[in-house]
Amino acid sequence: MPVNGLTWLVVLQLLGALLQQWLLPTLPGPIIGLLLLFIWLLFYGRLPKSLEAATSPLLQYLPLLLVVPCVGLMNNLDSLQSQWLVIAGSLFGAMLITIPLSGWLMQWLIRRQQQKKRSS
């Protein structure tokens, strides 16, 4: 695993944690770091080989991140059962927003990629 790619991930996470402490206390630092990574990749235009080599081995451990939310669900099952209607409504509302937004974003990205291929 290249150290350069892993260093970028750690630096962006630390920068996200600093921004969380100073400016955005309601957002978690790692989420801010992911947003910074996303913005950096948008401006860079492609995935650097060092970053790809650093993140590819980590993807196999991604399902382990689901263990913590599952334990939280099991521990709070009583309160979830009492609020099922509110939870179902918010999930349905989020779905109504997410599906059209994802479709629009995918179409925009496809058009952008086709324009880049035509211009090069």
C-alpha atoms as a PDB file:
ATOM      1  CA  MET A   1       0.000   0.000   0.000  1.00  0.00           C
ATOM      2  CA  PRO A   2       1.660   3.233  -1.100  1.00  0.00           C
ATOM      3  CA  VAL A   3       2.344   5.591   1.739  1.00  0.00           C
ATOM      4  CA  ASN A   4       1.636   8.654  -0.383  1.00  0.00           C
ATOM      5  CA  GLY A   5      -2.026   7.744  -0.951  1.00  0.00           C
ATOM      6  CA  LEU A   6      -2.555   6.754   2.666  1.00  0.00           C
ATOM      7  CA  THR A   7      -0.928   9.995   3.794  1.00  0.00           C
ATOM      8  CA  TRP A   8      -3.409  11.990   1.710  1.00  0.00           C
ATOM      9  CA  LEU A   9      -6.311  10.155   3.323  1.00  0.00           C
ATOM     10  CA  VAL A  10      -5.013  10.824   6.832  1.00  0.00           C
ATOM     11  CA  VAL A  11      -4.215  14.483   6.100  1.00  0.00           C
ATOM     12  CA  LEU A  12      -7.695  15.093   4.680  1.00  0.00           C
ATOM     13  CA  GLN A  13      -9.306  13.386   7.667  1.00  0.00           C
ATOM     14  CA  LEU A  14      -7.242  15.510  10.079  1.00  0.00           C
ATOM     15  CA  LEU A  15      -8.125  18.635   8.117  1.00  0.00           C
ATOM     16  CA  GLY A  16     -11.777  17.617   8.352  1.00  0.00           C
ATOM     17  CA  ALA A  17     -11.425  17.174  12.111  1.00  0.00           C
ATOM     18  CA  LEU A  18      -9.848  20.632  12.426  1.00  0.00           C
ATOM     19  CA  LEU A  19     -12.602  22.222  10.354  1.00  0.00           C
ATOM     20  CA  GLN A  20     -15.163  20.437  12.490  1.00  0.00           C
ATOM     21  CA  GLN A  21     -13.628  21.860  15.669  1.00  0.00           C
ATOM     22  CA  TRP A  22     -13.360  25.402  14.314  1.00  0.00           C
ATOM     23  CA  LEU A  23     -16.285  25.903  11.928  1.00  0.00           C
ATOM     24  CA  LEU A  24     -18.765  23.024  11.676  1.00  0.00           C
ATOM     25  CA  PRO A  25     -19.344  21.372  15.050  1.00  0.00           C
ATOM     26  CA  THR A  26     -22.517  19.626  13.860  1.00  0.00           C
ATOM     27  CA  LEU A  27     -20.787  17.591  11.114  1.00  0.00           C
ATOM     28  CA  PRO A  28     -18.379  14.748  11.959  1.00  0.00           C
ATOM     29  CA  GLY A  29     -14.760  15.409  11.051  1.00  0.00           C
ATOM     30  CA  PRO A  30     -14.335  12.286   8.882  1.00  0.00           C
ATOM     31  CA  ILE A  31     -17.384  13.294   6.812  1.00  0.00           C
ATOM     32  CA  ILE A  32     -15.866  16.729   6.237  1.00  0.00           C
ATOM     33  CA  GLY A  33     -12.627  14.976   5.254  1.00  0.00           C
ATOM     34  CA  LEU A  34     -14.526  12.852   2.723  1.00  0.00           C
ATOM     35  CA  LEU A  35     -16.114  15.981   1.278  1.00  0.00           C
ATOM     36  CA  LEU A  36     -12.679  17.577   0.988  1.00  0.00           C
ATOM     37  CA  LEU A  37     -11.415  14.435  -0.770  1.00  0.00           C
ATOM     38  CA  PHE A  38     -14.377  14.561  -3.141  1.00  0.00           C
ATOM     39  CA  ILE A  39     -13.754  18.243  -3.956  1.00  0.00           C
ATOM     40  CA  TRP A  40     -10.039  17.577  -4.445  1.00  0.00           C
ATOM     41  CA  LEU A  41     -10.788  14.699  -6.825  1.00  0.00           C
ATOM     42  CA  LEU A  42     -13.241  16.877  -8.771  1.00  0.00           C
ATOM     43  CA  PHE A  43     -10.579  19.521  -9.328  1.00  0.00           C
ATOM     44  CA  TYR A  44      -7.835  16.962  -9.992  1.00  0.00           C
ATOM     45  CA  GLY A  45     -10.015  15.267 -12.593  1.00  0.00           C
ATOM     46  CA  ARG A  46      -8.880  11.693 -12.054  1.00  0.00           C
ATOM     47  CA  LEU A  47      -7.975   9.234  -9.314  1.00  0.00           C
ATOM     48  CA  PRO A  48      -4.225   9.251  -8.619  1.00  0.00           C
ATOM     49  CA  LYS A  49      -2.585   5.820  -8.793  1.00  0.00           C
ATOM     50  CA  SER A  50      -1.161   6.147  -5.275  1.00  0.00           C
ATOM     51  CA  LEU A  51      -4.609   6.883  -3.841  1.00  0.00           C
ATOM     52  CA  GLU A  52      -6.177   4.014  -5.771  1.00  0.00           C
ATOM     53  CA  ALA A  53      -3.490   1.627  -4.557  1.00  0.00           C
ATOM     54  CA  ALA A  54      -4.037   2.778  -0.970  1.00  0.00           C
ATOM     55  CA  THR A  55      -7.827   2.493  -1.006  1.00  0.00           C
ATOM     56  CA  SER A  56      -8.351  -0.697  -3.014  1.00  0.00           C
ATOM     57  CA  PRO A  57      -7.236  -3.050  -0.201  1.00  0.00           C
ATOM     58  CA  LEU A  58      -9.410  -1.139   2.283  1.00  0.00           C
ATOM     59  CA  LEU A  59     -12.605  -1.767   0.293  1.00  0.00           C
ATOM     60  CA  GLN A  60     -12.727  -5.417   1.335  1.00  0.00           C
ATOM     61  CA  TYR A  61     -13.165  -4.302   4.951  1.00  0.00           C
ATOM     62  CA  LEU A  62     -16.018  -1.885   4.176  1.00  0.00           C
ATOM     63  CA  PRO A  63     -18.771  -4.289   5.401  1.00  0.00           C
ATOM     64  CA  LEU A  64     -17.213  -4.212   8.884  1.00  0.00           C
ATOM     65  CA  LEU A  65     -18.400  -0.617   9.178  1.00  0.00           C
ATOM     66  CA  LEU A  66     -21.984  -1.906   9.166  1.00  0.00           C
ATOM     67  CA  VAL A  67     -21.518  -3.840  12.408  1.00  0.00           C
ATOM     68  CA  VAL A  68     -21.722  -0.755  14.635  1.00  0.00           C
ATOM     69  CA  PRO A  69     -25.032   0.557  13.213  1.00  0.00           C
ATOM     70  CA  CYS A  70     -26.545  -2.935  13.433  1.00  0.00           C
ATOM     71  CA  VAL A  71     -25.622  -3.202  17.105  1.00  0.00           C
ATOM     72  CA  GLY A  72     -27.104   0.245  17.683  1.00  0.00           C
ATOM     73  CA  LEU A  73     -30.336  -0.829  16.021  1.00  0.00           C
ATOM     74  CA  MET A  74     -30.577  -3.921  18.195  1.00  0.00           C
ATOM     75  CA  ASN A  75     -29.908  -1.938  21.380  1.00  0.00           C
ATOM     76  CA  ASN A  76     -32.568   0.670  20.558  1.00  0.00           C
ATOM     77  CA  LEU A  77     -35.212  -1.638  19.127  1.00  0.00           C
ATOM     78  CA  ASP A  78     -37.920  -0.517  21.581  1.00  0.00           C
ATOM     79  CA  SER A  79     -37.645   3.163  20.691  1.00  0.00           C
ATOM     80  CA  LEU A  80     -37.484   2.309  16.985  1.00  0.00           C
ATOM     81  CA  GLN A  81     -40.694   0.305  17.219  1.00  0.00           C
ATOM     82  CA  SER A  82     -42.505   3.192  18.880  1.00  0.00           C
ATOM     83  CA  GLN A  83     -41.373   5.626  16.158  1.00  0.00           C
ATOM     84  CA  TRP A  84     -41.792   3.388  13.093  1.00  0.00           C
ATOM     85  CA  LEU A  85     -44.247   5.689  11.328  1.00  0.00           C
ATOM     86  CA  VAL A  86     -41.943   8.717  11.553  1.00  0.00           C
ATOM     87  CA  ILE A  87     -38.961   6.638  10.416  1.00  0.00           C
ATOM     88  CA  ALA A  88     -40.886   5.162   7.471  1.00  0.00           C
ATOM     89  CA  GLY A  89     -42.100   8.616   6.443  1.00  0.00           C
ATOM     90  CA  SER A  90     -38.631  10.134   6.540  1.00  0.00           C
ATOM     91  CA  LEU A  91     -37.174   7.214   4.579  1.00  0.00           C
ATOM     92  CA  PHE A  92     -39.895   7.582   1.959  1.00  0.00           C
ATOM     93  CA  GLY A  93     -39.305  11.335   1.724  1.00  0.00           C
ATOM     94  CA  ALA A  94     -35.557  10.797   1.377  1.00  0.00           C
ATOM     95  CA  MET A  95     -36.206   8.256  -1.373  1.00  0.00           C
ATOM     96  CA  LEU A  96     -38.385  10.754  -3.253  1.00  0.00           C
ATOM     97  CA  ILE A  97     -35.506  13.231  -3.203  1.00  0.00           C
ATOM     98  CA  THR A  98     -32.607  10.827  -3.748  1.00  0.00           C
ATOM     99  CA  ILE A  99     -33.828   8.851  -6.752  1.00  0.00           C
ATOM    100  CA  PRO A 100     -34.487  11.833  -9.062  1.00  0.00           C
ATOM    101  CA  LEU A 101     -31.342  13.600  -7.859  1.00  0.00           C
ATOM    102  CA  SER A 102     -29.224  10.496  -8.550  1.00  0.00           C
ATOM    103  CA  GLY A 103     -30.717  10.159 -12.035  1.00  0.00           C
ATOM    104  CA  TRP A 104     -30.065  13.804 -12.828  1.00  0.00           C
ATOM    105  CA  LEU A 105     -26.489  13.575 -11.500  1.00  0.00           C
ATOM    106  CA  MET A 106     -25.786  10.443 -13.543  1.00  0.00           C
ATOM    107  CA  GLN A 107     -27.062  12.089 -16.729  1.00  0.00           C
ATOM    108  CA  TRP A 108     -24.966  15.173 -16.013  1.00  0.00           C
ATOM    109  CA  LEU A 109     -21.828  13.074 -15.443  1.00  0.00           C
ATOM    110  CA  ILE A 110     -22.409  11.074 -18.639  1.00  0.00           C
ATOM    111  CA  ARG A 111     -22.808  14.278 -20.669  1.00  0.00           C
ATOM    112  CA  ARG A 112     -19.681  15.717 -19.065  1.00  0.00           C
ATOM    113  CA  GLN A 113     -17.672  12.592 -19.873  1.00  0.00           C
ATOM    114  CA  GLN A 114     -18.901  12.602 -23.487  1.00  0.00           C
ATOM    115  CA  GLN A 115     -17.917  16.265 -23.865  1.00  0.00           C
ATOM    116  CA  LYS A 116     -14.438  15.503 -22.551  1.00  0.00           C
ATOM    117  CA  LYS A 117     -14.049  12.653 -25.042  1.00  0.00           C
ATOM    118  CA  ARG A 118     -15.168  14.880 -27.922  1.00  0.00           C
ATOM    119  CA  SER A 119     -12.799  17.696 -26.971  1.00  0.00           C
ATOM    120  CA  SER A 120      -9.741  15.449 -26.668  1.00  0.00           C
END
